[in-house]
N, C-alpha and C. Protein backbone atom coordinates (compact mmCIF):
# COMPACT_ATOMS: atom_id res chain seq x y z
N MET A 1 0.83 -1.20 0.00
CA MET A 1 0.00 0.00 0.00
C MET A 1 0.87 1.26 0.00
N LEU A 2 1.90 1.30 0.87
CA LEU A 2 2.77 2.46 0.92
C LEU A 2 3.53 2.63 -0.39
N TYR A 3 3.97 1.52 -0.97
CA TYR A 3 4.68 1.62 -2.25
C TYR A 3 3.80 2.28 -3.30
N ARG A 4 2.54 1.87 -3.35
CA ARG A 4 1.61 2.43 -4.33
C ARG A 4 1.40 3.92 -4.07
N THR A 5 1.34 4.29 -2.80
CA THR A 5 1.17 5.71 -2.44
C THR A 5 2.38 6.51 -2.91
N LEU A 6 3.57 5.97 -2.68
CA LEU A 6 4.80 6.67 -3.10
C LEU A 6 4.86 6.77 -4.62
N GLU A 7 4.41 5.73 -5.31
CA GLU A 7 4.42 5.74 -6.76
C GLU A 7 3.50 6.83 -7.31
N LEU A 8 2.44 7.13 -6.59
CA LEU A 8 1.48 8.13 -7.05
C LEU A 8 1.83 9.55 -6.61
N THR A 9 2.71 9.67 -5.61
CA THR A 9 3.03 11.00 -5.07
C THR A 9 4.50 11.38 -5.25
N LEU A 10 5.39 10.62 -4.64
CA LEU A 10 6.81 10.96 -4.68
C LEU A 10 7.42 10.76 -6.06
N ALA A 11 7.06 9.67 -6.71
CA ALA A 11 7.65 9.36 -8.01
C ALA A 11 7.43 10.46 -9.05
N PRO A 12 6.20 10.97 -9.22
CA PRO A 12 6.01 12.04 -10.20
C PRO A 12 6.84 13.28 -9.87
N ALA A 13 6.98 13.60 -8.57
CA ALA A 13 7.76 14.76 -8.17
C ALA A 13 9.23 14.57 -8.54
N LEU A 14 9.76 13.38 -8.30
CA LEU A 14 11.15 13.10 -8.64
C LEU A 14 11.38 13.17 -10.14
N ARG A 15 10.40 12.70 -10.90
CA ARG A 15 10.55 12.74 -12.36
C ARG A 15 10.58 14.17 -12.86
N VAL A 16 9.81 15.04 -12.21
CA VAL A 16 9.78 16.45 -12.62
C VAL A 16 11.08 17.17 -12.21
N VAL A 17 11.52 16.92 -10.99
CA VAL A 17 12.71 17.61 -10.47
C VAL A 17 13.99 17.14 -11.14
N TYR A 18 14.16 15.82 -11.26
CA TYR A 18 15.43 15.29 -11.77
C TYR A 18 15.41 14.95 -13.26
N ARG A 19 14.24 14.71 -13.79
CA ARG A 19 14.13 14.31 -15.19
C ARG A 19 15.20 13.28 -15.56
N PRO A 20 15.21 12.15 -14.87
CA PRO A 20 16.27 11.16 -15.12
C PRO A 20 16.26 10.64 -16.55
N GLU A 21 17.45 10.51 -17.10
CA GLU A 21 17.60 9.93 -18.42
C GLU A 21 17.46 8.41 -18.28
N ILE A 22 16.54 7.83 -18.99
CA ILE A 22 16.31 6.40 -18.90
C ILE A 22 16.56 5.78 -20.28
N ILE A 23 17.53 4.90 -20.33
CA ILE A 23 17.89 4.23 -21.58
C ILE A 23 17.66 2.73 -21.42
N GLY A 24 17.05 2.12 -22.40
CA GLY A 24 16.84 0.68 -22.37
C GLY A 24 15.61 0.24 -21.59
N ALA A 25 14.66 1.14 -21.37
CA ALA A 25 13.46 0.80 -20.60
C ALA A 25 12.71 -0.38 -21.22
N ALA A 26 12.84 -0.56 -22.52
CA ALA A 26 12.14 -1.65 -23.20
C ALA A 26 12.65 -3.01 -22.75
N TYR A 27 13.83 -3.06 -22.15
CA TYR A 27 14.37 -4.34 -21.68
C TYR A 27 13.76 -4.78 -20.35
N VAL A 28 13.09 -3.88 -19.65
CA VAL A 28 12.56 -4.19 -18.32
C VAL A 28 11.26 -4.97 -18.44
N PRO A 29 11.20 -6.20 -17.93
CA PRO A 29 9.94 -6.96 -17.98
C PRO A 29 8.89 -6.28 -17.09
N HIS A 30 7.69 -6.15 -17.57
CA HIS A 30 6.62 -5.51 -16.79
C HIS A 30 6.15 -6.41 -15.66
N THR A 31 6.25 -7.72 -15.86
CA THR A 31 5.84 -8.68 -14.84
C THR A 31 6.83 -9.84 -14.83
N GLY A 32 6.73 -10.66 -13.80
CA GLY A 32 7.55 -11.85 -13.73
C GLY A 32 8.89 -11.64 -13.06
N ALA A 33 9.54 -12.75 -12.78
CA ALA A 33 10.81 -12.72 -12.07
C ALA A 33 11.93 -12.10 -12.89
N VAL A 34 12.72 -11.27 -12.23
CA VAL A 34 13.89 -10.67 -12.87
C VAL A 34 14.85 -10.19 -11.77
N ILE A 35 16.13 -10.33 -12.04
CA ILE A 35 17.17 -9.88 -11.12
C ILE A 35 17.78 -8.60 -11.68
N LEU A 36 17.60 -7.49 -10.99
CA LEU A 36 18.20 -6.23 -11.42
C LEU A 36 19.55 -6.10 -10.74
N ALA A 37 20.61 -6.32 -11.49
CA ALA A 37 21.98 -6.27 -10.96
C ALA A 37 22.59 -4.92 -11.32
N ALA A 38 22.88 -4.13 -10.30
CA ALA A 38 23.31 -2.75 -10.54
C ALA A 38 24.58 -2.38 -9.80
N ASN A 39 25.23 -1.34 -10.29
CA ASN A 39 26.31 -0.73 -9.52
C ASN A 39 25.68 0.02 -8.35
N HIS A 40 26.49 0.30 -7.33
CA HIS A 40 25.91 0.91 -6.12
C HIS A 40 26.80 2.07 -5.69
N ILE A 41 26.32 3.30 -5.93
CA ILE A 41 27.12 4.48 -5.62
C ILE A 41 26.43 5.45 -4.67
N SER A 42 25.16 5.18 -4.33
CA SER A 42 24.43 6.10 -3.46
C SER A 42 23.19 5.43 -2.89
N PHE A 43 22.72 5.94 -1.77
CA PHE A 43 21.44 5.50 -1.21
C PHE A 43 20.33 5.72 -2.23
N ALA A 44 20.49 6.74 -3.06
CA ALA A 44 19.46 7.09 -4.05
C ALA A 44 19.27 6.03 -5.12
N ASP A 45 20.20 5.09 -5.23
CA ASP A 45 20.07 4.04 -6.25
C ASP A 45 18.76 3.27 -6.10
N GLU A 46 18.37 3.00 -4.85
CA GLU A 46 17.17 2.22 -4.60
C GLU A 46 15.90 3.02 -4.84
N ILE A 47 16.05 4.29 -5.10
CA ILE A 47 14.89 5.13 -5.42
C ILE A 47 14.77 5.30 -6.93
N PHE A 48 15.89 5.59 -7.59
CA PHE A 48 15.84 5.86 -9.02
C PHE A 48 15.68 4.59 -9.87
N THR A 49 16.15 3.46 -9.37
CA THR A 49 16.00 2.23 -10.16
C THR A 49 14.54 1.83 -10.32
N PRO A 50 13.76 1.69 -9.22
CA PRO A 50 12.34 1.39 -9.40
C PRO A 50 11.60 2.50 -10.16
N LEU A 51 12.03 3.74 -9.95
CA LEU A 51 11.42 4.87 -10.64
C LEU A 51 11.53 4.68 -12.15
N ALA A 52 12.72 4.25 -12.58
CA ALA A 52 12.96 4.07 -14.01
C ALA A 52 12.33 2.78 -14.53
N ALA A 53 12.34 1.73 -13.69
CA ALA A 53 11.79 0.44 -14.11
C ALA A 53 10.26 0.45 -14.13
N ARG A 54 9.68 1.37 -13.36
CA ARG A 54 8.22 1.47 -13.25
C ARG A 54 7.58 0.17 -12.75
N ARG A 55 8.25 -0.46 -11.79
CA ARG A 55 7.66 -1.59 -11.08
C ARG A 55 8.36 -1.71 -9.74
N GLN A 56 7.69 -2.33 -8.79
CA GLN A 56 8.29 -2.47 -7.47
C GLN A 56 9.49 -3.41 -7.53
N VAL A 57 10.57 -2.96 -6.93
CA VAL A 57 11.78 -3.76 -6.88
C VAL A 57 12.09 -4.05 -5.41
N LEU A 58 12.24 -5.33 -5.08
CA LEU A 58 12.55 -5.72 -3.71
C LEU A 58 14.06 -5.71 -3.50
N TYR A 59 14.47 -5.27 -2.32
CA TYR A 59 15.89 -5.25 -1.98
C TYR A 59 16.11 -5.91 -0.63
N PHE A 60 17.27 -6.51 -0.45
CA PHE A 60 17.66 -7.01 0.86
C PHE A 60 18.09 -5.83 1.72
N ALA A 61 17.77 -5.88 2.99
CA ALA A 61 18.16 -4.82 3.92
C ALA A 61 18.70 -5.46 5.20
N LYS A 62 19.65 -4.80 5.82
CA LYS A 62 20.22 -5.31 7.06
C LYS A 62 19.14 -5.50 8.11
N ALA A 63 19.22 -6.61 8.82
CA ALA A 63 18.21 -6.94 9.83
C ALA A 63 18.09 -5.87 10.90
N GLU A 64 19.19 -5.15 11.15
CA GLU A 64 19.17 -4.11 12.19
C GLU A 64 18.15 -3.02 11.89
N TYR A 65 17.86 -2.81 10.60
CA TYR A 65 16.88 -1.79 10.23
C TYR A 65 15.48 -2.15 10.72
N PHE A 66 15.26 -3.41 11.02
CA PHE A 66 13.93 -3.87 11.42
C PHE A 66 13.84 -4.12 12.93
N THR A 67 14.96 -4.01 13.63
CA THR A 67 14.97 -4.34 15.06
C THR A 67 15.39 -3.18 15.95
N THR A 68 15.60 -2.00 15.38
CA THR A 68 15.98 -0.85 16.18
C THR A 68 14.85 -0.49 17.15
N PRO A 69 15.15 -0.35 18.44
CA PRO A 69 14.09 -0.07 19.42
C PRO A 69 13.57 1.36 19.33
N GLY A 70 12.44 1.60 19.98
CA GLY A 70 11.88 2.95 20.05
C GLY A 70 10.92 3.24 18.92
N ILE A 71 10.28 4.39 19.03
CA ILE A 71 9.29 4.79 18.03
C ILE A 71 9.94 5.00 16.67
N ARG A 72 11.10 5.63 16.67
CA ARG A 72 11.79 5.86 15.40
C ARG A 72 12.15 4.54 14.73
N GLY A 73 12.60 3.58 15.53
CA GLY A 73 12.95 2.27 14.99
C GLY A 73 11.75 1.56 14.42
N GLN A 74 10.64 1.66 15.10
CA GLN A 74 9.41 1.02 14.63
C GLN A 74 8.93 1.65 13.32
N ALA A 75 9.05 2.97 13.25
CA ALA A 75 8.63 3.67 12.03
C ALA A 75 9.53 3.27 10.86
N MET A 76 10.84 3.17 11.13
CA MET A 76 11.78 2.78 10.07
C MET A 76 11.49 1.37 9.59
N ALA A 77 11.23 0.46 10.54
CA ALA A 77 10.93 -0.92 10.17
C ALA A 77 9.65 -1.00 9.34
N ALA A 78 8.64 -0.23 9.73
CA ALA A 78 7.38 -0.22 8.99
C ALA A 78 7.58 0.30 7.57
N PHE A 79 8.41 1.33 7.44
CA PHE A 79 8.68 1.91 6.12
C PHE A 79 9.37 0.89 5.22
N PHE A 80 10.41 0.22 5.74
CA PHE A 80 11.15 -0.75 4.94
C PHE A 80 10.25 -1.91 4.52
N ARG A 81 9.42 -2.38 5.44
CA ARG A 81 8.52 -3.49 5.11
C ARG A 81 7.51 -3.07 4.04
N ALA A 82 6.97 -1.87 4.19
CA ALA A 82 5.97 -1.39 3.24
C ALA A 82 6.55 -1.24 1.84
N CYS A 83 7.83 -0.91 1.77
CA CYS A 83 8.49 -0.74 0.47
C CYS A 83 8.93 -2.08 -0.11
N GLY A 84 8.75 -3.15 0.66
CA GLY A 84 9.10 -4.47 0.16
C GLY A 84 10.49 -4.93 0.48
N HIS A 85 11.21 -4.19 1.33
CA HIS A 85 12.57 -4.59 1.69
C HIS A 85 12.52 -5.86 2.55
N VAL A 86 13.50 -6.72 2.35
CA VAL A 86 13.54 -8.01 3.02
C VAL A 86 14.69 -8.04 4.02
N PRO A 87 14.41 -8.27 5.32
CA PRO A 87 15.48 -8.29 6.32
C PRO A 87 16.34 -9.53 6.20
N VAL A 88 17.65 -9.34 6.25
CA VAL A 88 18.58 -10.47 6.20
C VAL A 88 19.71 -10.25 7.19
N GLU A 89 20.20 -11.34 7.73
CA GLU A 89 21.38 -11.30 8.58
C GLU A 89 22.61 -11.38 7.69
N ARG A 90 23.65 -10.66 8.06
CA ARG A 90 24.88 -10.69 7.27
C ARG A 90 26.07 -11.02 8.16
N GLY A 91 27.14 -11.44 7.50
CA GLY A 91 28.36 -11.58 8.27
C GLY A 91 29.03 -12.93 8.25
N ASP A 92 28.35 -14.02 7.81
CA ASP A 92 29.02 -15.31 7.76
C ASP A 92 28.48 -16.13 6.59
N THR A 93 29.12 -17.27 6.34
CA THR A 93 28.77 -18.11 5.20
C THR A 93 27.34 -18.60 5.28
N ARG A 94 26.90 -18.97 6.48
CA ARG A 94 25.53 -19.47 6.65
C ARG A 94 24.53 -18.38 6.29
N SER A 95 24.81 -17.16 6.68
CA SER A 95 23.91 -16.05 6.36
C SER A 95 23.85 -15.82 4.86
N ALA A 96 25.01 -15.88 4.21
CA ALA A 96 25.06 -15.68 2.77
C ALA A 96 24.24 -16.73 2.04
N ALA A 97 24.33 -17.99 2.48
CA ALA A 97 23.56 -19.07 1.86
C ALA A 97 22.07 -18.84 2.06
N SER A 98 21.70 -18.36 3.24
CA SER A 98 20.30 -18.08 3.54
C SER A 98 19.75 -16.98 2.65
N VAL A 99 20.56 -15.96 2.40
CA VAL A 99 20.14 -14.85 1.54
C VAL A 99 19.85 -15.35 0.13
N ILE A 100 20.69 -16.24 -0.37
CA ILE A 100 20.47 -16.80 -1.70
C ILE A 100 19.15 -17.54 -1.75
N GLU A 101 18.87 -18.35 -0.73
CA GLU A 101 17.62 -19.11 -0.70
C GLU A 101 16.41 -18.19 -0.64
N ILE A 102 16.51 -17.13 0.17
CA ILE A 102 15.41 -16.16 0.25
C ILE A 102 15.20 -15.51 -1.12
N GLY A 103 16.30 -15.14 -1.77
CA GLY A 103 16.20 -14.52 -3.09
C GLY A 103 15.55 -15.44 -4.11
N VAL A 104 15.94 -16.70 -4.10
CA VAL A 104 15.36 -17.67 -5.03
C VAL A 104 13.86 -17.81 -4.79
N ASP A 105 13.46 -17.84 -3.53
CA ASP A 105 12.03 -17.94 -3.20
C ASP A 105 11.26 -16.73 -3.72
N LEU A 106 11.83 -15.54 -3.57
CA LEU A 106 11.17 -14.33 -4.04
C LEU A 106 11.03 -14.34 -5.57
N LEU A 107 12.07 -14.81 -6.23
CA LEU A 107 12.03 -14.87 -7.69
C LEU A 107 11.01 -15.91 -8.17
N ARG A 108 10.89 -17.00 -7.46
CA ARG A 108 9.91 -18.01 -7.84
C ARG A 108 8.49 -17.50 -7.66
N GLU A 109 8.34 -16.45 -6.84
CA GLU A 109 7.04 -15.82 -6.67
C GLU A 109 6.77 -14.77 -7.75
N GLY A 110 7.76 -14.57 -8.62
CA GLY A 110 7.58 -13.62 -9.71
C GLY A 110 8.00 -12.20 -9.39
N SER A 111 8.82 -12.03 -8.36
CA SER A 111 9.24 -10.69 -7.94
C SER A 111 10.39 -10.15 -8.79
N ALA A 112 10.55 -8.85 -8.74
CA ALA A 112 11.72 -8.18 -9.30
C ALA A 112 12.66 -7.95 -8.12
N LEU A 113 13.83 -8.56 -8.16
CA LEU A 113 14.77 -8.51 -7.04
C LEU A 113 15.97 -7.66 -7.42
N GLY A 114 16.19 -6.59 -6.67
CA GLY A 114 17.33 -5.73 -6.92
C GLY A 114 18.52 -6.12 -6.05
N ILE A 115 19.68 -6.28 -6.66
CA ILE A 115 20.88 -6.62 -5.89
C ILE A 115 22.06 -5.78 -6.36
N TYR A 116 23.01 -5.63 -5.45
CA TYR A 116 24.25 -4.92 -5.75
C TYR A 116 25.38 -5.93 -5.62
N PRO A 117 25.83 -6.51 -6.73
CA PRO A 117 26.83 -7.57 -6.67
C PRO A 117 28.16 -7.15 -6.03
N GLU A 118 28.43 -5.86 -5.92
CA GLU A 118 29.65 -5.43 -5.23
C GLU A 118 29.57 -5.73 -3.74
N GLY A 119 28.35 -5.93 -3.24
CA GLY A 119 28.17 -6.27 -1.83
C GLY A 119 28.01 -5.09 -0.91
N THR A 120 28.35 -3.91 -1.38
CA THR A 120 28.25 -2.70 -0.58
C THR A 120 28.37 -1.50 -1.50
N ARG A 121 28.14 -0.33 -0.98
CA ARG A 121 28.26 0.88 -1.78
C ARG A 121 29.72 1.17 -2.10
N SER A 122 30.00 1.59 -3.30
CA SER A 122 31.37 1.90 -3.70
C SER A 122 31.93 3.02 -2.84
N PRO A 123 33.10 2.82 -2.24
CA PRO A 123 33.69 3.86 -1.39
C PRO A 123 34.34 4.99 -2.17
N ASP A 124 34.59 4.77 -3.46
CA ASP A 124 35.33 5.78 -4.23
C ASP A 124 34.72 6.09 -5.59
N GLY A 125 33.54 5.56 -5.86
CA GLY A 125 32.89 5.85 -7.14
C GLY A 125 33.26 4.89 -8.26
N ARG A 126 34.29 4.08 -8.04
CA ARG A 126 34.67 3.09 -9.05
C ARG A 126 33.84 1.82 -8.90
N LEU A 127 33.82 1.01 -9.96
CA LEU A 127 33.13 -0.26 -9.89
C LEU A 127 34.11 -1.30 -9.35
N HIS A 128 33.69 -2.00 -8.30
CA HIS A 128 34.56 -2.97 -7.66
C HIS A 128 34.15 -4.40 -8.05
N LYS A 129 35.02 -5.32 -7.73
CA LYS A 129 34.81 -6.73 -8.07
C LYS A 129 33.48 -7.24 -7.54
N PHE A 130 32.77 -8.00 -8.38
CA PHE A 130 31.47 -8.54 -8.01
C PHE A 130 31.62 -9.83 -7.22
N ARG A 131 30.74 -10.03 -6.26
CA ARG A 131 30.66 -11.30 -5.56
C ARG A 131 29.73 -12.23 -6.36
N THR A 132 29.87 -13.53 -6.13
CA THR A 132 29.22 -14.50 -7.01
C THR A 132 27.75 -14.78 -6.68
N GLY A 133 27.18 -14.07 -5.71
CA GLY A 133 25.78 -14.29 -5.39
C GLY A 133 24.86 -14.08 -6.57
N VAL A 134 25.18 -13.12 -7.42
CA VAL A 134 24.33 -12.84 -8.58
C VAL A 134 24.30 -14.06 -9.50
N ALA A 135 25.43 -14.74 -9.65
CA ALA A 135 25.48 -15.94 -10.50
C ALA A 135 24.66 -17.06 -9.88
N ARG A 136 24.80 -17.24 -8.57
CA ARG A 136 24.05 -18.30 -7.89
C ARG A 136 22.54 -18.07 -8.02
N LEU A 137 22.12 -16.84 -7.83
CA LEU A 137 20.70 -16.53 -7.94
C LEU A 137 20.18 -16.81 -9.35
N ALA A 138 20.92 -16.37 -10.35
CA ALA A 138 20.48 -16.52 -11.74
C ALA A 138 20.47 -17.97 -12.17
N MET A 139 21.51 -18.71 -11.80
CA MET A 139 21.61 -20.10 -12.22
C MET A 139 20.59 -20.98 -11.50
N ARG A 140 20.39 -20.72 -10.21
CA ARG A 140 19.51 -21.57 -9.41
C ARG A 140 18.03 -21.27 -9.69
N SER A 141 17.70 -20.00 -9.88
CA SER A 141 16.29 -19.64 -10.07
C SER A 141 15.84 -19.70 -11.52
N GLY A 142 16.80 -19.52 -12.44
CA GLY A 142 16.45 -19.46 -13.85
C GLY A 142 15.93 -18.10 -14.27
N ALA A 143 15.84 -17.16 -13.34
CA ALA A 143 15.35 -15.81 -13.65
C ALA A 143 16.41 -15.05 -14.45
N PRO A 144 15.98 -14.21 -15.39
CA PRO A 144 16.95 -13.44 -16.16
C PRO A 144 17.58 -12.33 -15.32
N VAL A 145 18.79 -11.97 -15.70
CA VAL A 145 19.49 -10.86 -15.06
C VAL A 145 19.35 -9.63 -15.96
N LEU A 146 18.91 -8.53 -15.36
CA LEU A 146 18.81 -7.25 -16.07
C LEU A 146 19.94 -6.36 -15.56
N PRO A 147 21.00 -6.15 -16.35
CA PRO A 147 22.08 -5.28 -15.89
C PRO A 147 21.62 -3.83 -15.86
N VAL A 148 22.04 -3.12 -14.80
CA VAL A 148 21.63 -1.73 -14.61
C VAL A 148 22.86 -0.88 -14.32
N GLY A 149 22.99 0.23 -15.04
CA GLY A 149 24.07 1.17 -14.79
C GLY A 149 23.50 2.49 -14.30
N LEU A 150 23.83 2.85 -13.08
CA LEU A 150 23.35 4.11 -12.50
C LEU A 150 24.43 5.18 -12.63
N VAL A 151 24.03 6.34 -13.08
CA VAL A 151 24.96 7.45 -13.30
C VAL A 151 24.43 8.71 -12.64
N GLY A 152 25.26 9.37 -11.86
CA GLY A 152 24.87 10.65 -11.27
C GLY A 152 24.21 10.59 -9.92
N THR A 153 23.83 9.40 -9.46
CA THR A 153 23.14 9.32 -8.17
C THR A 153 24.07 9.66 -7.00
N ARG A 154 25.36 9.43 -7.18
CA ARG A 154 26.33 9.76 -6.12
C ARG A 154 26.37 11.27 -5.89
N GLU A 155 26.20 12.03 -6.96
CA GLU A 155 26.18 13.49 -6.86
C GLU A 155 24.81 13.99 -6.37
N ALA A 156 23.76 13.26 -6.73
CA ALA A 156 22.42 13.67 -6.30
C ALA A 156 22.24 13.50 -4.80
N GLN A 157 22.79 12.41 -4.26
CA GLN A 157 22.69 12.16 -2.82
C GLN A 157 24.04 11.59 -2.37
N PRO A 158 25.00 12.48 -2.08
CA PRO A 158 26.36 12.06 -1.75
C PRO A 158 26.42 11.20 -0.49
N PRO A 159 27.24 10.15 -0.50
CA PRO A 159 27.42 9.33 0.70
C PRO A 159 27.90 10.18 1.87
N GLY A 160 27.40 9.88 3.06
CA GLY A 160 27.83 10.60 4.25
C GLY A 160 27.02 11.84 4.54
N THR A 161 26.04 12.13 3.73
CA THR A 161 25.20 13.30 3.96
C THR A 161 23.75 12.97 3.64
N ARG A 162 22.83 13.70 4.24
CA ARG A 162 21.41 13.50 3.96
C ARG A 162 20.89 14.51 2.93
N ARG A 163 21.76 15.38 2.49
CA ARG A 163 21.34 16.42 1.55
C ARG A 163 21.22 15.87 0.14
N TRP A 164 20.24 16.36 -0.57
CA TRP A 164 20.03 15.99 -1.97
C TRP A 164 20.37 17.20 -2.84
N HIS A 165 20.90 16.93 -4.01
CA HIS A 165 21.27 17.99 -4.94
C HIS A 165 20.60 17.72 -6.30
N ARG A 166 20.15 18.79 -6.89
CA ARG A 166 19.54 18.66 -8.21
C ARG A 166 20.66 18.59 -9.25
N THR A 167 20.83 17.42 -9.81
CA THR A 167 21.93 17.18 -10.75
C THR A 167 21.48 16.09 -11.73
N PRO A 168 22.07 16.02 -12.90
CA PRO A 168 21.65 15.01 -13.88
C PRO A 168 21.82 13.58 -13.35
N VAL A 169 20.80 12.78 -13.55
CA VAL A 169 20.80 11.37 -13.13
C VAL A 169 20.37 10.52 -14.32
N ALA A 170 21.01 9.37 -14.47
CA ALA A 170 20.64 8.48 -15.56
C ALA A 170 20.57 7.04 -15.06
N VAL A 171 19.62 6.30 -15.62
CA VAL A 171 19.49 4.88 -15.34
C VAL A 171 19.52 4.15 -16.68
N HIS A 172 20.54 3.31 -16.87
CA HIS A 172 20.71 2.60 -18.13
C HIS A 172 20.45 1.11 -17.92
N PHE A 173 19.51 0.57 -18.66
CA PHE A 173 19.20 -0.87 -18.60
C PHE A 173 19.81 -1.56 -19.81
N GLY A 174 20.34 -2.77 -19.58
CA GLY A 174 20.90 -3.55 -20.67
C GLY A 174 19.99 -4.71 -21.04
N GLU A 175 20.41 -5.47 -22.03
CA GLU A 175 19.61 -6.62 -22.47
C GLU A 175 19.58 -7.70 -21.39
N LEU A 176 18.48 -8.41 -21.33
CA LEU A 176 18.34 -9.50 -20.36
C LEU A 176 19.36 -10.59 -20.63
N MET A 177 19.87 -11.17 -19.55
CA MET A 177 20.88 -12.22 -19.64
C MET A 177 20.35 -13.46 -18.92
N TYR A 178 20.47 -14.62 -19.57
CA TYR A 178 19.92 -15.86 -19.01
C TYR A 178 21.03 -16.86 -18.70
N PHE A 179 20.97 -17.42 -17.50
CA PHE A 179 21.99 -18.40 -17.08
C PHE A 179 21.36 -19.65 -16.46
N GLY A 180 20.05 -19.78 -16.54
CA GLY A 180 19.37 -20.93 -15.94
C GLY A 180 19.81 -22.25 -16.53
N ASP A 181 20.28 -22.25 -17.78
CA ASP A 181 20.71 -23.49 -18.41
C ASP A 181 22.04 -24.00 -17.86
N ARG A 182 22.66 -23.21 -16.96
CA ARG A 182 23.93 -23.62 -16.38
C ARG A 182 23.79 -23.99 -14.90
N ALA A 183 22.55 -24.26 -14.48
CA ALA A 183 22.28 -24.57 -13.08
C ALA A 183 23.11 -25.73 -12.56
N ALA A 184 23.35 -26.74 -13.42
CA ALA A 184 24.10 -27.92 -12.98
C ALA A 184 25.57 -27.60 -12.70
N GLU A 185 26.03 -26.42 -13.13
CA GLU A 185 27.44 -26.06 -12.95
C GLU A 185 27.66 -25.12 -11.76
N GLU A 186 26.63 -24.96 -10.92
CA GLU A 186 26.74 -24.00 -9.82
C GLU A 186 27.86 -24.34 -8.85
N ARG A 187 28.22 -25.59 -8.73
CA ARG A 187 29.28 -25.98 -7.80
C ARG A 187 30.67 -25.62 -8.29
N SER A 188 30.77 -25.21 -9.53
CA SER A 188 32.07 -24.85 -10.10
C SER A 188 32.40 -23.39 -9.81
N SER A 189 33.45 -23.16 -9.06
CA SER A 189 33.85 -21.79 -8.76
C SER A 189 34.28 -21.06 -10.02
N ARG A 190 34.84 -21.80 -10.98
CA ARG A 190 35.25 -21.18 -12.24
C ARG A 190 34.04 -20.67 -13.01
N VAL A 191 32.99 -21.47 -13.06
CA VAL A 191 31.78 -21.09 -13.78
C VAL A 191 31.08 -19.93 -13.07
N LEU A 192 31.03 -19.99 -11.74
CA LEU A 192 30.41 -18.89 -10.98
C LEU A 192 31.12 -17.58 -11.27
N ARG A 193 32.45 -17.62 -11.29
CA ARG A 193 33.20 -16.39 -11.57
C ARG A 193 33.00 -15.94 -13.02
N GLU A 194 32.91 -16.90 -13.94
CA GLU A 194 32.71 -16.58 -15.35
C GLU A 194 31.37 -15.87 -15.55
N VAL A 195 30.31 -16.42 -14.96
CA VAL A 195 28.98 -15.81 -15.08
C VAL A 195 28.98 -14.44 -14.41
N THR A 196 29.58 -14.35 -13.24
CA THR A 196 29.63 -13.08 -12.51
C THR A 196 30.35 -12.01 -13.31
N GLU A 197 31.44 -12.38 -13.95
CA GLU A 197 32.20 -11.42 -14.76
C GLU A 197 31.42 -10.98 -15.99
N THR A 198 30.62 -11.87 -16.53
CA THR A 198 29.78 -11.51 -17.67
C THR A 198 28.79 -10.41 -17.27
N VAL A 199 28.21 -10.56 -16.08
CA VAL A 199 27.28 -9.55 -15.58
C VAL A 199 28.03 -8.26 -15.25
N ARG A 200 29.17 -8.40 -14.63
CA ARG A 200 29.95 -7.21 -14.23
C ARG A 200 30.34 -6.36 -15.44
N LYS A 201 30.77 -7.00 -16.50
CA LYS A 201 31.17 -6.27 -17.69
C LYS A 201 29.98 -5.53 -18.31
N ALA A 202 28.82 -6.16 -18.26
CA ALA A 202 27.61 -5.52 -18.80
C ALA A 202 27.25 -4.29 -17.97
N VAL A 203 27.32 -4.41 -16.64
CA VAL A 203 27.01 -3.28 -15.76
C VAL A 203 28.03 -2.16 -15.97
N GLN A 204 29.31 -2.50 -16.08
CA GLN A 204 30.34 -1.48 -16.27
C GLN A 204 30.15 -0.72 -17.57
N GLU A 205 29.77 -1.44 -18.61
CA GLU A 205 29.52 -0.78 -19.90
C GLU A 205 28.38 0.22 -19.79
N LEU A 206 27.39 -0.11 -18.98
CA LEU A 206 26.23 0.78 -18.82
C LEU A 206 26.52 1.95 -17.89
N SER A 207 27.35 1.73 -16.87
CA SER A 207 27.63 2.79 -15.89
C SER A 207 28.79 3.68 -16.31
N GLY A 208 29.70 3.15 -17.14
CA GLY A 208 30.86 3.92 -17.58
C GLY A 208 31.91 4.13 -16.51
N GLN A 209 31.87 3.33 -15.44
CA GLN A 209 32.82 3.50 -14.35
C GLN A 209 34.17 2.86 -14.64
N ASP A 210 35.20 3.36 -13.99
CA ASP A 210 36.49 2.68 -13.98
C ASP A 210 36.34 1.46 -13.10
N TYR A 211 37.11 0.41 -13.40
CA TYR A 211 36.99 -0.84 -12.65
C TYR A 211 38.21 -1.08 -11.78
N LEU A 212 37.96 -1.52 -10.54
CA LEU A 212 39.02 -1.91 -9.62
C LEU A 212 38.82 -3.39 -9.29
N ASP A 213 39.81 -4.22 -9.59
CA ASP A 213 39.71 -5.66 -9.39
C ASP A 213 39.97 -6.01 -7.93
N ALA A 214 39.13 -5.50 -7.06
CA ALA A 214 39.23 -5.78 -5.62
C ALA A 214 37.84 -5.60 -5.03
N PHE A 215 37.53 -6.39 -3.99
CA PHE A 215 36.23 -6.27 -3.35
C PHE A 215 36.14 -4.96 -2.58
N ALA A 216 35.01 -4.31 -2.68
CA ALA A 216 34.84 -2.99 -2.06
C ALA A 216 34.92 -3.03 -0.54
N ALA A 217 34.38 -4.08 0.06
CA ALA A 217 34.31 -4.13 1.52
C ALA A 217 35.67 -4.32 2.16
N SER A 218 36.49 -5.19 1.58
CA SER A 218 37.75 -5.53 2.22
C SER A 218 38.97 -5.02 1.48
N GLY A 219 38.78 -4.70 0.21
CA GLY A 219 39.93 -4.28 -0.58
C GLY A 219 40.86 -5.43 -0.90
N THR A 220 40.41 -6.66 -0.67
CA THR A 220 41.25 -7.82 -0.91
C THR A 220 41.25 -8.18 -2.39
N ARG A 221 42.41 -8.29 -2.95
CA ARG A 221 42.52 -8.64 -4.35
C ARG A 221 42.47 -10.16 -4.49
N ALA A 222 41.72 -10.64 -5.49
CA ALA A 222 41.64 -12.10 -5.69
C ALA A 222 41.34 -12.41 -7.14
């Protein structure tokens, strides 16, 4: 209900103020399961992506957002739930496996699932090495991957501040990519990395970012 309200009120205002450039909108399925794999440079990414896709996109959110005590915490939890955000625990291998299973279940229900394969927001604006969760989701669920390149959102809502700036924003969608026929190869780390790199290159082409072959969270090269 809240998502629909925002779509009827906030979304039109954002379209008027920012006039985001949307390229490749025809690639976005209007219904059915799809994985929107995007670069992550700002909190605003989760606002402009659904705005451009014109359908509700579900995102994973840290469990802490749903368990913060007090009235403010309850309001925040209600907002995240209403927008379709899914609480997940993070931090260990078991949690990561659980997130994949939750994602597969959502896709089997026909949802549009938004993920950031870098695992976190880019600390420097560059595109960092992708984690293989996107490959596991695509191969196991059979849902197509829609590569998304976000441009300008870092300037519109800079990390570390709550201020918004009126600046050009663009959302670029690429052609759908299918990997369900490789489900039997999910146990192969080589195949997982190959599929992940295929998605990463598509996202980089759309975002135009420089690439750093290191994970954003740890800076570990591999």
